[in-house]
């Protein structure tokens, strides 16, 4: 559903357009300690200066971006990127992007969110110097509750 409003003031025509779509870019399988970008794309929104984009991990607010300095009143696409360092306890956490267009007091407060993505974090079980067919058995005992990936390296695992 697309919501838009038009307000005609003397000498002005104000057009408001709820974001057509809010999308969180796909996330790769992450490795503990490495940095990754969370990228949120908000399509066709106006006026951008009334937009707030928030990236969440679980209930935690990771990043909030506002656009008060944006001067163009035309509908625009917006990209917001935030870097996170993958942690082992991030595995299974849900991340999402939320766009809010605040047109108050003259208009409504409009919100739209991206579909949730789930973080998958790869960890290295460095205690094991073992290589070979029995490596996954040893790694299973060193990293209980983890799925062992023997390709390309036998010492990498991730939780299911």
C-alpha atoms as a PDB file:
ATOM      1  CA  UNK A   1       0.000   0.000   0.000  1.00  0.00           C
ATOM      2  CA  UNK A   2       1.358   3.403  -0.921  1.00  0.00           C
ATOM      3  CA  UNK A   3       0.283   6.310   1.190  1.00  0.00           C
ATOM      4  CA  UNK A   4       0.748   9.856   0.018  1.00  0.00           C
ATOM      5  CA  UNK A   5      -0.565  13.237   1.027  1.00  0.00           C
ATOM      6  CA  UNK A   6      -0.542  16.553  -0.725  1.00  0.00           C
ATOM      7  CA  UNK A   7      -0.837  19.826   1.131  1.00  0.00           C
ATOM      8  CA  UNK A   8      -1.366  23.037  -0.763  1.00  0.00           C
ATOM      9  CA  UNK A   9      -0.121  26.078   1.103  1.00  0.00           C
ATOM     10  CA  UNK A  10       0.166  29.548  -0.389  1.00  0.00           C
ATOM     11  CA  UNK A  11       3.121  29.313  -2.780  1.00  0.00           C
ATOM     12  CA  UNK A  12       3.937  25.699  -1.811  1.00  0.00           C
ATOM     13  CA  UNK A  13       2.917  22.188  -2.720  1.00  0.00           C
ATOM     14  CA  UNK A  14       4.073  19.646  -0.118  1.00  0.00           C
ATOM     15  CA  UNK A  15       4.009  16.004  -1.145  1.00  0.00           C
ATOM     16  CA  UNK A  16       4.498  13.199   1.371  1.00  0.00           C
ATOM     17  CA  UNK A  17       5.129   9.628   0.297  1.00  0.00           C
ATOM     18  CA  UNK A  18       5.515   6.667   2.652  1.00  0.00           C
ATOM     19  CA  UNK A  19       8.510   4.526   1.633  1.00  0.00           C
ATOM     20  CA  UNK A  20       7.570   2.291  -1.267  1.00  0.00           C
ATOM     21  CA  UNK A  21       9.824  -0.434   0.103  1.00  0.00           C
ATOM     22  CA  UNK A  22      12.310  -0.924   2.983  1.00  0.00           C
ATOM     23  CA  UNK A  23      14.932  -3.603   2.317  1.00  0.00           C
ATOM     24  CA  UNK A  24      17.813  -4.945   4.391  1.00  0.00           C
ATOM     25  CA  UNK A  25      20.533  -6.273   2.079  1.00  0.00           C
ATOM     26  CA  UNK A  26      21.298 -10.013   2.332  1.00  0.00           C
ATOM     27  CA  UNK A  27      23.851 -10.927   4.967  1.00  0.00           C
ATOM     28  CA  UNK A  28      26.708 -13.367   4.411  1.00  0.00           C
ATOM     29  CA  UNK A  29      27.768 -16.144   6.760  1.00  0.00           C
ATOM     30  CA  UNK A  30      29.838 -14.072   9.190  1.00  0.00           C
ATOM     31  CA  UNK A  31      33.135 -14.913  10.845  1.00  0.00           C
ATOM     32  CA  UNK A  32      33.753 -13.950  14.472  1.00  0.00           C
ATOM     33  CA  UNK A  33      35.843 -10.786  14.779  1.00  0.00           C
ATOM     34  CA  UNK A  34      35.388  -9.627  11.191  1.00  0.00           C
ATOM     35  CA  UNK A  35      33.462  -6.478  10.292  1.00  0.00           C
ATOM     36  CA  UNK A  36      30.379  -6.485   8.072  1.00  0.00           C
ATOM     37  CA  UNK A  37      28.067  -3.804   6.737  1.00  0.00           C
ATOM     38  CA  UNK A  38      24.364  -3.823   7.484  1.00  0.00           C
ATOM     39  CA  UNK A  39      22.797  -1.912   4.599  1.00  0.00           C
ATOM     40  CA  UNK A  40      19.212  -0.701   4.580  1.00  0.00           C
ATOM     41  CA  UNK A  41      17.587   0.679   1.444  1.00  0.00           C
ATOM     42  CA  UNK A  42      14.494   2.873   1.632  1.00  0.00           C
ATOM     43  CA  UNK A  43      12.851   3.406  -1.743  1.00  0.00           C
ATOM     44  CA  UNK A  44      10.827   6.388  -2.911  1.00  0.00           C
ATOM     45  CA  UNK A  45      10.188   8.415   0.238  1.00  0.00           C
ATOM     46  CA  UNK A  46       9.283  12.104   0.622  1.00  0.00           C
ATOM     47  CA  UNK A  47      10.028  14.383   2.322  1.00  0.00           C
ATOM     48  CA  UNK A  48      13.363  12.763   3.232  1.00  0.00           C
ATOM     49  CA  UNK A  49      14.057  15.408   5.900  1.00  0.00           C
ATOM     50  CA  UNK A  50      11.205  13.872   7.956  1.00  0.00           C
ATOM     51  CA  UNK A  51      12.650  10.343   7.702  1.00  0.00           C
ATOM     52  CA  UNK A  52      14.366   8.375  10.475  1.00  0.00           C
ATOM     53  CA  UNK A  53      15.986   5.025   9.672  1.00  0.00           C
ATOM     54  CA  UNK A  54      16.858   2.678  12.534  1.00  0.00           C
ATOM     55  CA  UNK A  55      18.844  -0.567  12.372  1.00  0.00           C
ATOM     56  CA  UNK A  56      18.039  -3.100  15.114  1.00  0.00           C
ATOM     57  CA  UNK A  57      19.697  -6.284  16.329  1.00  0.00           C
ATOM     58  CA  UNK A  58      17.158  -8.071  18.489  1.00  0.00           C
ATOM     59  CA  UNK A  59      15.776  -5.387  20.804  1.00  0.00           C
ATOM     60  CA  UNK A  60      19.006  -3.364  20.591  1.00  0.00           C
ATOM     61  CA  UNK A  61      19.086  -0.169  18.541  1.00  0.00           C
ATOM     62  CA  UNK A  62      22.336  -0.402  16.561  1.00  0.00           C
ATOM     63  CA  UNK A  63      22.163   2.816  14.568  1.00  0.00           C
ATOM     64  CA  UNK A  64      19.768   5.716  13.984  1.00  0.00           C
ATOM     65  CA  UNK A  65      20.074   8.021  10.965  1.00  0.00           C
ATOM     66  CA  UNK A  66      18.048  11.187  10.425  1.00  0.00           C
ATOM     67  CA  UNK A  67      17.993  13.471   7.402  1.00  0.00           C
ATOM     68  CA  UNK A  68      17.060  16.945   8.715  1.00  0.00           C
ATOM     69  CA  UNK A  69      19.722  18.522   6.455  1.00  0.00           C
ATOM     70  CA  UNK A  70      18.276  16.978   3.295  1.00  0.00           C
ATOM     71  CA  UNK A  71      16.882  19.853   1.248  1.00  0.00           C
ATOM     72  CA  UNK A  72      15.242  18.168  -1.751  1.00  0.00           C
ATOM     73  CA  UNK A  73      11.466  17.705  -1.418  1.00  0.00           C
ATOM     74  CA  UNK A  74      11.286  15.178  -4.266  1.00  0.00           C
ATOM     75  CA  UNK A  75      10.765  11.476  -3.535  1.00  0.00           C
ATOM     76  CA  UNK A  76      14.186   9.886  -3.105  1.00  0.00           C
ATOM     77  CA  UNK A  77      15.841   6.576  -2.398  1.00  0.00           C
ATOM     78  CA  UNK A  78      17.931   6.458   0.782  1.00  0.00           C
ATOM     79  CA  UNK A  79      20.737   4.061   1.733  1.00  0.00           C
ATOM     80  CA  UNK A  80      21.882   3.683   5.337  1.00  0.00           C
ATOM     81  CA  UNK A  81      24.914   1.557   6.204  1.00  0.00           C
ATOM     82  CA  UNK A  82      26.274   0.578   9.611  1.00  0.00           C
ATOM     83  CA  UNK A  83      29.316  -1.599  10.310  1.00  0.00           C
ATOM     84  CA  UNK A  84      29.182  -4.346  12.921  1.00  0.00           C
ATOM     85  CA  UNK A  85      31.880  -6.722  14.162  1.00  0.00           C
ATOM     86  CA  UNK A  86      30.550 -10.282  14.308  1.00  0.00           C
ATOM     87  CA  UNK A  87      30.550 -11.880  17.753  1.00  0.00           C
ATOM     88  CA  UNK A  88      29.904 -15.508  18.589  1.00  0.00           C
ATOM     89  CA  UNK A  89      26.802 -14.591  20.589  1.00  0.00           C
ATOM     90  CA  UNK A  90      25.373 -12.744  17.551  1.00  0.00           C
ATOM     91  CA  UNK A  91      24.532 -16.087  15.947  1.00  0.00           C
ATOM     92  CA  UNK A  92      20.767 -16.425  15.602  1.00  0.00           C
ATOM     93  CA  UNK A  93      20.118 -12.756  16.401  1.00  0.00           C
ATOM     94  CA  UNK A  94      17.484 -11.073  14.253  1.00  0.00           C
ATOM     95  CA  UNK A  95      18.372  -7.836  12.480  1.00  0.00           C
ATOM     96  CA  UNK A  96      16.012  -5.465  10.745  1.00  0.00           C
ATOM     97  CA  UNK A  97      15.657  -1.960   9.428  1.00  0.00           C
ATOM     98  CA  UNK A  98      12.826   0.377  10.351  1.00  0.00           C
ATOM     99  CA  UNK A  99      11.838   3.558   8.472  1.00  0.00           C
ATOM    100  CA  UNK A 100       9.654   6.209  10.117  1.00  0.00           C
ATOM    101  CA  UNK A 101       8.262   9.242   8.314  1.00  0.00           C
ATOM    102  CA  UNK A 102       7.087  11.838  10.836  1.00  0.00           C
ATOM    103  CA  UNK A 103       4.696  14.339   9.272  1.00  0.00           C
ATOM    104  CA  UNK A 104       3.258  15.608  12.566  1.00  0.00           C
ATOM    105  CA  UNK A 105       1.658  17.948  13.514  1.00  0.00           C
ATOM    106  CA  UNK A 106       0.100  18.479  10.059  1.00  0.00           C
ATOM    107  CA  UNK A 107       0.085  14.827   9.058  1.00  0.00           C
ATOM    108  CA  UNK A 108       0.462  11.240  10.262  1.00  0.00           C
ATOM    109  CA  UNK A 109       3.404   9.280  11.655  1.00  0.00           C
ATOM    110  CA  UNK A 110       4.112   6.514   9.096  1.00  0.00           C
ATOM    111  CA  UNK A 111       6.265   3.444   9.650  1.00  0.00           C
ATOM    112  CA  UNK A 112       7.543   0.571   7.540  1.00  0.00           C
ATOM    113  CA  UNK A 113      10.087  -2.182   8.277  1.00  0.00           C
ATOM    114  CA  UNK A 114      12.229  -4.554   6.267  1.00  0.00           C
ATOM    115  CA  UNK A 115      11.811  -8.299   6.547  1.00  0.00           C
ATOM    116  CA  UNK A 116      13.890  -9.703   9.397  1.00  0.00           C
ATOM    117  CA  UNK A 117      17.240 -11.322   8.629  1.00  0.00           C
ATOM    118  CA  UNK A 118      18.929 -13.795  10.973  1.00  0.00           C
ATOM    119  CA  UNK A 119      22.671 -13.547  11.628  1.00  0.00           C
ATOM    120  CA  UNK A 120      24.688 -16.704  11.023  1.00  0.00           C
ATOM    121  CA  UNK A 121      28.104 -16.504  12.624  1.00  0.00           C
ATOM    122  CA  UNK A 122      31.003 -18.785  11.822  1.00  0.00           C
ATOM    123  CA  UNK A 123      33.448 -19.446  14.654  1.00  0.00           C
ATOM    124  CA  UNK A 124      36.903 -20.918  14.601  1.00  0.00           C
ATOM    125  CA  UNK A 125      37.696 -23.696  17.058  1.00  0.00           C
ATOM    126  CA  UNK A 126      41.410 -22.931  17.158  1.00  0.00           C
ATOM    127  CA  UNK A 127      42.160 -25.432  19.922  1.00  0.00           C
ATOM    128  CA  UNK A 128      42.292 -28.209  17.322  1.00  0.00           C
ATOM    129  CA  UNK A 129      45.414 -28.633  15.168  1.00  0.00           C
ATOM    130  CA  UNK A 130      43.868 -31.780  13.659  1.00  0.00           C
ATOM    131  CA  UNK A 131      43.498 -32.154   9.908  1.00  0.00           C
ATOM    132  CA  UNK A 132      41.927 -35.115   8.143  1.00  0.00           C
ATOM    133  CA  UNK A 133      38.749 -37.194   8.096  1.00  0.00           C
ATOM    134  CA  UNK A 134      38.474 -37.438  11.890  1.00  0.00           C
ATOM    135  CA  UNK A 135      38.721 -33.648  12.305  1.00  0.00           C
ATOM    136  CA  UNK A 136      34.958 -33.170  12.365  1.00  0.00           C
ATOM    137  CA  UNK A 137      34.611 -35.718  15.188  1.00  0.00           C
ATOM    138  CA  UNK A 138      37.253 -33.911  17.244  1.00  0.00           C
ATOM    139  CA  UNK A 139      35.773 -30.510  16.440  1.00  0.00           C
ATOM    140  CA  UNK A 140      32.321 -31.750  17.447  1.00  0.00           C
ATOM    141  CA  UNK A 141      33.710 -32.547  20.877  1.00  0.00           C
ATOM    142  CA  UNK A 142      35.569 -29.204  21.096  1.00  0.00           C
ATOM    143  CA  UNK A 143      32.588 -27.184  19.854  1.00  0.00           C
ATOM    144  CA  UNK A 144      29.479 -28.933  21.203  1.00  0.00           C
ATOM    145  CA  UNK A 145      26.185 -27.965  19.596  1.00  0.00           C
ATOM    146  CA  UNK A 146      27.858 -26.792  16.419  1.00  0.00           C
ATOM    147  CA  UNK A 147      27.576 -27.916  12.815  1.00  0.00           C
ATOM    148  CA  UNK A 148      31.006 -28.706  11.405  1.00  0.00           C
ATOM    149  CA  UNK A 149      31.873 -27.503   7.933  1.00  0.00           C
ATOM    150  CA  UNK A 150      34.701 -29.595   6.530  1.00  0.00           C
ATOM    151  CA  UNK A 151      34.931 -27.532   3.338  1.00  0.00           C
ATOM    152  CA  UNK A 152      37.146 -25.683   2.750  1.00  0.00           C
ATOM    153  CA  UNK A 153      38.806 -25.841   6.188  1.00  0.00           C
ATOM    154  CA  UNK A 154      38.046 -28.520   8.766  1.00  0.00           C
ATOM    155  CA  UNK A 155      38.399 -26.139  11.731  1.00  0.00           C
ATOM    156  CA  UNK A 156      35.370 -23.944  11.044  1.00  0.00           C
ATOM    157  CA  UNK A 157      31.984 -24.445  12.647  1.00  0.00           C
ATOM    158  CA  UNK A 158      28.681 -22.653  13.092  1.00  0.00           C
ATOM    159  CA  UNK A 159      25.613 -23.141  15.223  1.00  0.00           C
ATOM    160  CA  UNK A 160      22.460 -24.419  13.532  1.00  0.00           C
END
